[in-house]
């Protein structure tokens, strides 16, 4: 099988757990046998973006960024480090949440690279957010009587950062599963600090749209929401804040169903992985994608 999957993630020099979801999802996909090779690569860890293709024997590669939004890393860093010839963001024909894929040549290895949009803006990410809500509440039917907050970083430096959060909040809202759905942010309005102010529901599930648990999801957000004064002392799930029970889910990227989104990106670029997608959804408890949204 002369096809490979390369997952490109950020990684961290400071947080050893940052790369764990990447390895977990790669293992899940590797077990399906959908690709002859599955490789992990990182910006801040080894194996690095720059060397990744040299570790791959296959002549045809599907490159999937394990990032939430379109922007600096997906449009500049990854194409540069993988040395993709003739790359231009316009090839994705995206409005900031609708990146598709582009087939390019790797300058130094000659491999054909199908460069896919980031997992965070794929439609199937909405399913992962919902499943994250199911996981934290332990209720596969969670929705009625609950509010859902989809939380992102938000930044003036990249307007697409907020677009991805709003996009999935809007898609989930259209399903009419939860009583309320709101997009909230760390660094712009509406802020997650005031989560209780934006909901009437007694129960609120908070799902951060981050790939891995780290400083923001484990320390900042719990403290900002008032779940605890000091993250090191821990907190209950749920924790009552201003009369609301807050079910804090942690980073969405740690949800096992995320492996499905990686495969969906590859499938959209032409990879024959439909049976693998079905296998992953069955193994991770993922429902079939909602229709009509």
Protein backbone atom coordinates (compact mmCIF):
# COMPACT_ATOMS: atom_id res chain seq x y z
CA UNK A 1 0.00 0.00 0.00
CA UNK A 2 1.92 2.99 -1.30
CA UNK A 3 0.01 5.64 0.66
CA UNK A 4 0.92 7.24 3.96
CA UNK A 5 -0.74 9.53 6.47
CA UNK A 6 1.28 12.23 8.20
CA UNK A 7 -0.33 14.10 11.10
CA UNK A 8 1.15 17.53 11.77
CA UNK A 9 0.66 18.85 15.32
CA UNK A 10 2.10 21.67 17.41
CA UNK A 11 3.62 19.82 20.35
CA UNK A 12 5.35 21.56 23.25
CA UNK A 13 8.77 21.78 24.88
CA UNK A 14 7.08 22.59 28.20
CA UNK A 15 4.16 20.14 28.39
CA UNK A 16 5.02 16.49 27.84
CA UNK A 17 1.31 15.63 27.53
CA UNK A 18 0.78 17.98 24.60
CA UNK A 19 1.66 15.32 22.04
CA UNK A 20 -0.32 12.51 23.68
CA UNK A 21 -3.55 13.02 21.68
CA UNK A 22 -1.57 13.01 18.43
CA UNK A 23 0.03 9.67 19.23
CA UNK A 24 -3.27 8.24 20.47
CA UNK A 25 -5.16 9.19 17.30
CA UNK A 26 -2.32 7.98 15.10
CA UNK A 27 -2.39 4.60 16.91
CA UNK A 28 -6.15 4.36 16.39
CA UNK A 29 -5.78 5.03 12.66
CA UNK A 30 -2.75 2.75 12.35
CA UNK A 31 -4.78 -0.12 13.80
CA UNK A 32 -7.35 0.17 10.99
CA UNK A 33 -4.73 -0.64 8.36
CA UNK A 34 -6.06 2.17 6.16
CA UNK A 35 -2.54 3.39 5.31
CA UNK A 36 0.72 1.62 4.71
CA UNK A 37 2.39 4.13 7.04
CA UNK A 38 1.14 6.55 9.70
CA UNK A 39 3.58 9.15 11.00
CA UNK A 40 3.36 11.83 13.70
CA UNK A 41 5.22 15.13 13.29
CA UNK A 42 5.51 18.28 15.40
CA UNK A 43 6.55 21.92 15.34
CA UNK A 44 7.93 21.95 18.88
CA UNK A 45 8.96 18.31 19.30
CA UNK A 46 10.61 15.48 17.45
CA UNK A 47 9.98 14.11 14.88
CA UNK A 48 9.92 17.54 13.28
CA UNK A 49 7.87 18.82 10.37
CA UNK A 50 11.03 19.37 8.35
CA UNK A 51 12.19 15.75 8.59
CA UNK A 52 8.81 13.98 8.51
CA UNK A 53 8.57 13.17 4.80
CA UNK A 54 12.08 11.70 4.83
CA UNK A 55 10.83 9.02 7.25
CA UNK A 56 8.07 7.99 4.84
CA UNK A 57 8.64 5.40 2.11
CA UNK A 58 5.32 5.94 0.33
CA UNK A 59 5.25 8.10 -2.78
CA UNK A 60 1.76 9.43 -1.98
CA UNK A 61 1.15 11.20 1.32
CA UNK A 62 -1.95 12.64 2.99
CA UNK A 63 -0.87 15.48 5.27
CA UNK A 64 -3.44 16.45 7.92
CA UNK A 65 -2.83 19.36 10.34
CA UNK A 66 -4.02 18.59 13.87
CA UNK A 67 -4.82 22.27 14.42
CA UNK A 68 -8.07 24.02 15.28
CA UNK A 69 -8.11 26.96 12.89
CA UNK A 70 -6.80 28.09 9.56
CA UNK A 71 -4.05 30.66 9.83
CA UNK A 72 -0.34 31.12 10.40
CA UNK A 73 0.56 27.48 11.09
CA UNK A 74 -1.61 25.86 8.44
CA UNK A 75 -1.05 28.48 5.75
CA UNK A 76 2.62 29.33 6.32
CA UNK A 77 4.55 27.15 8.75
CA UNK A 78 3.48 23.66 7.67
CA UNK A 79 3.74 24.24 3.89
CA UNK A 80 7.14 25.87 4.38
CA UNK A 81 8.56 23.18 6.66
CA UNK A 82 7.26 20.34 4.46
CA UNK A 83 8.60 22.27 1.44
CA UNK A 84 5.43 22.02 -0.62
CA UNK A 85 5.99 23.38 -4.12
CA UNK A 86 3.63 26.05 -5.46
CA UNK A 87 1.63 26.25 -2.25
CA UNK A 88 -0.80 29.14 -2.00
CA UNK A 89 -3.61 29.46 0.58
CA UNK A 90 -5.93 30.30 -2.29
CA UNK A 91 -5.72 26.65 -3.34
CA UNK A 92 -7.95 25.81 -0.36
CA UNK A 93 -10.62 28.24 -1.62
CA UNK A 94 -11.58 28.97 1.99
CA UNK A 95 -13.45 31.72 3.80
CA UNK A 96 -11.64 30.85 7.01
CA UNK A 97 -13.63 27.75 7.93
CA UNK A 98 -13.96 25.88 4.63
CA UNK A 99 -10.45 24.71 3.73
CA UNK A 100 -10.46 21.77 1.36
CA UNK A 101 -7.23 20.19 0.09
CA UNK A 102 -4.50 20.74 -2.45
CA UNK A 103 -2.25 18.24 -4.22
CA UNK A 104 1.37 19.38 -4.36
CA UNK A 105 4.88 18.04 -4.76
CA UNK A 106 7.44 17.96 -1.97
CA UNK A 107 10.50 19.82 -3.26
CA UNK A 108 13.22 17.64 -1.76
CA UNK A 109 11.63 14.18 -1.77
CA UNK A 110 9.44 14.36 -4.87
CA UNK A 111 6.51 12.79 -3.06
CA UNK A 112 2.95 13.69 -3.98
CA UNK A 113 1.39 15.40 -0.96
CA UNK A 114 -2.34 15.88 -0.53
CA UNK A 115 -2.33 18.82 1.89
CA UNK A 116 -5.59 18.88 3.83
CA UNK A 117 -7.30 21.61 5.82
CA UNK A 118 -7.03 21.49 9.63
CA UNK A 119 -9.18 19.11 11.62
CA UNK A 120 -10.70 21.98 13.61
CA UNK A 121 -12.72 23.40 10.73
CA UNK A 122 -14.02 20.11 9.35
CA UNK A 123 -17.76 19.59 9.70
CA UNK A 124 -17.28 16.32 11.58
CA UNK A 125 -15.63 18.24 14.43
CA UNK A 126 -19.15 19.21 15.48
CA UNK A 127 -19.80 15.52 16.18
CA UNK A 128 -16.67 15.33 18.35
CA UNK A 129 -17.79 18.34 20.40
CA UNK A 130 -21.16 16.71 21.03
CA UNK A 131 -19.50 13.42 21.93
CA UNK A 132 -17.23 15.29 24.34
CA UNK A 133 -20.36 16.55 26.07
CA UNK A 134 -21.64 12.99 26.26
CA UNK A 135 -18.36 11.77 27.73
CA UNK A 136 -18.13 14.35 30.51
CA UNK A 137 -21.75 13.92 31.59
CA UNK A 138 -21.85 10.15 31.10
CA UNK A 139 -25.13 10.62 29.24
CA UNK A 140 -25.31 9.54 25.56
CA UNK A 141 -28.53 11.54 25.22
CA UNK A 142 -27.33 14.72 26.90
CA UNK A 143 -28.99 17.82 25.52
CA UNK A 144 -32.44 18.55 26.91
CA UNK A 145 -32.15 20.89 29.89
CA UNK A 146 -28.48 21.59 29.12
CA UNK A 147 -26.61 24.52 27.68
CA UNK A 148 -23.43 23.96 25.68
CA UNK A 149 -20.50 26.38 25.61
CA UNK A 150 -17.92 25.90 22.86
CA UNK A 151 -14.79 27.70 24.03
CA UNK A 152 -11.86 28.97 22.01
CA UNK A 153 -8.79 31.08 22.59
CA UNK A 154 -9.76 34.02 20.43
CA UNK A 155 -7.14 36.49 19.28
CA UNK A 156 -6.99 39.72 17.32
CA UNK A 157 -3.98 38.33 15.44
CA UNK A 158 -6.05 35.66 13.67
CA UNK A 159 -9.73 36.28 13.03
CA UNK A 160 -10.10 32.67 11.88
CA UNK A 161 -9.44 31.54 15.45
CA UNK A 162 -12.87 32.80 16.48
CA UNK A 163 -14.52 31.76 13.21
CA UNK A 164 -13.91 28.07 13.89
CA UNK A 165 -15.53 28.28 17.33
CA UNK A 166 -18.54 30.17 16.06
CA UNK A 167 -18.91 27.85 13.09
CA UNK A 168 -19.30 24.73 15.21
CA UNK A 169 -21.49 26.47 17.78
CA UNK A 170 -23.84 27.51 14.96
CA UNK A 171 -23.91 24.00 13.46
CA UNK A 172 -24.69 22.37 16.80
CA UNK A 173 -27.32 25.00 17.61
CA UNK A 174 -29.12 24.13 14.37
CA UNK A 175 -29.52 20.54 15.55
CA UNK A 176 -31.81 21.68 18.41
CA UNK A 177 -30.28 19.09 20.71
CA UNK A 178 -29.19 21.45 23.49
CA UNK A 179 -31.44 24.10 24.99
CA UNK A 180 -28.76 26.74 24.42
CA UNK A 181 -25.45 26.86 22.55
CA UNK A 182 -22.94 29.69 22.89
CA UNK A 183 -19.43 30.37 21.61
CA UNK A 184 -17.16 31.85 24.30
CA UNK A 185 -13.51 32.92 24.32
CA UNK A 186 -10.53 33.42 26.57
CA UNK A 187 -9.17 36.62 25.02
CA UNK A 188 -12.16 38.33 23.46
CA UNK A 189 -15.84 38.89 24.11
CA UNK A 190 -17.96 37.05 25.05
CA UNK A 191 -15.52 35.75 27.64
CA UNK A 192 -15.62 32.33 29.28
CA UNK A 193 -14.99 34.04 32.65
CA UNK A 194 -18.67 35.05 32.63
CA UNK A 195 -20.04 31.71 31.41
CA UNK A 196 -22.96 31.72 33.86
CA UNK A 197 -24.16 35.08 32.52
CA UNK A 198 -24.79 33.70 29.05
CA UNK A 199 -27.06 30.78 29.97
CA UNK A 200 -30.44 30.25 31.55
CA UNK A 201 -30.00 26.46 31.72
CA UNK A 202 -29.21 25.05 35.16
CA UNK A 203 -26.65 22.68 33.61
CA UNK A 204 -23.91 23.90 31.27
CA UNK A 205 -21.40 21.70 29.47
CA UNK A 206 -18.20 23.57 28.63
CA UNK A 207 -16.09 22.11 25.80
CA UNK A 208 -12.80 23.88 24.93
CA UNK A 209 -11.92 23.61 21.24
CA UNK A 210 -8.25 22.85 21.91
CA UNK A 211 -6.25 19.89 20.59
CA UNK A 212 -4.52 18.98 23.86
CA UNK A 213 -4.87 19.70 27.54
CA UNK A 214 -2.32 22.21 28.72
CA UNK A 215 -1.92 25.51 30.50
CA UNK A 216 -5.08 27.07 29.07
CA UNK A 217 -7.44 24.12 29.51
CA UNK A 218 -6.10 22.79 32.80
CA UNK A 219 -5.31 26.04 34.59
CA UNK A 220 -6.68 29.21 32.99
CA UNK A 221 -10.19 28.18 32.02
CA UNK A 222 -11.12 26.34 35.25
CA UNK A 223 -9.89 29.28 37.33
CA UNK A 224 -11.45 31.89 35.04
CA UNK A 225 -14.85 30.18 35.28
CA UNK A 226 -14.64 30.00 39.06
CA UNK A 227 -14.47 26.21 39.29
CA UNK A 228 -11.51 26.63 41.65
CA UNK A 229 -9.25 29.33 43.02
CA UNK A 230 -6.21 27.17 42.39
CA UNK A 231 -6.19 24.48 39.68
CA UNK A 232 -3.70 22.47 41.76
CA UNK A 233 -6.40 21.74 44.34
CA UNK A 234 -8.70 20.31 41.67
CA UNK A 235 -12.46 20.73 41.31
CA UNK A 236 -15.61 18.66 41.03
CA UNK A 237 -17.40 17.84 37.79
CA UNK A 238 -19.91 19.32 37.88
CA UNK A 239 -19.09 22.36 40.01
CA UNK A 240 -21.82 24.84 40.94
CA UNK A 241 -21.07 28.40 39.85
CA UNK A 242 -23.62 31.18 40.38
CA UNK A 243 -26.47 28.69 40.54
CA UNK A 244 -25.42 26.69 37.46
CA UNK A 245 -23.82 23.25 37.39
CA UNK A 246 -20.75 23.52 35.15
CA UNK A 247 -19.67 20.28 33.46
CA UNK A 248 -16.15 21.06 32.29
CA UNK A 249 -14.97 18.67 29.60
CA UNK A 250 -11.35 19.61 28.99
CA UNK A 251 -9.77 19.72 25.52
CA UNK A 252 -11.95 18.32 22.74
CA UNK A 253 -8.87 16.97 20.99
CA UNK A 254 -8.43 14.29 23.64
CA UNK A 255 -11.76 12.70 22.65
CA UNK A 256 -11.04 9.36 20.88
CA UNK A 257 -13.49 10.23 18.09
CA UNK A 258 -10.98 12.87 16.91
CA UNK A 259 -9.28 10.11 14.92
CA UNK A 260 -12.38 10.09 12.74
CA UNK A 261 -11.89 13.75 11.81
CA UNK A 262 -8.32 13.04 10.67
CA UNK A 263 -9.62 10.24 8.46
CA UNK A 264 -12.44 12.42 7.15
CA UNK A 265 -9.89 15.00 6.03
CA UNK A 266 -7.92 12.32 4.19
CA UNK A 267 -11.10 10.93 2.63
CA UNK A 268 -12.04 14.36 1.31
CA UNK A 269 -8.63 14.49 -0.38
CA UNK A 270 -9.24 11.17 -2.14
CA UNK A 271 -8.02 8.50 0.30
CA UNK A 272 -10.02 5.27 0.26
CA UNK A 273 -10.66 5.12 4.00
CA UNK A 274 -14.44 4.80 4.35
CA UNK A 275 -14.23 1.40 6.01
CA UNK A 276 -11.66 2.79 8.45
CA UNK A 277 -13.98 5.70 9.27
CA UNK A 278 -16.79 3.28 10.04
CA UNK A 279 -14.46 1.18 12.21
CA UNK A 280 -13.23 4.19 14.19
CA UNK A 281 -16.75 5.51 14.73
CA UNK A 282 -17.88 2.12 15.98
CA UNK A 283 -14.89 1.66 18.27
CA UNK A 284 -15.07 5.17 19.74
CA UNK A 285 -18.84 5.27 20.14
CA UNK A 286 -19.29 7.94 17.50
CA UNK A 287 -22.73 8.36 16.04
CA UNK A 288 -23.16 8.68 12.31
CA UNK A 289 -22.89 12.29 11.18
CA UNK A 290 -26.09 14.31 11.59
CA UNK A 291 -27.85 15.08 8.33
CA UNK A 292 -29.43 18.29 7.22
CA UNK A 293 -27.08 20.66 9.03
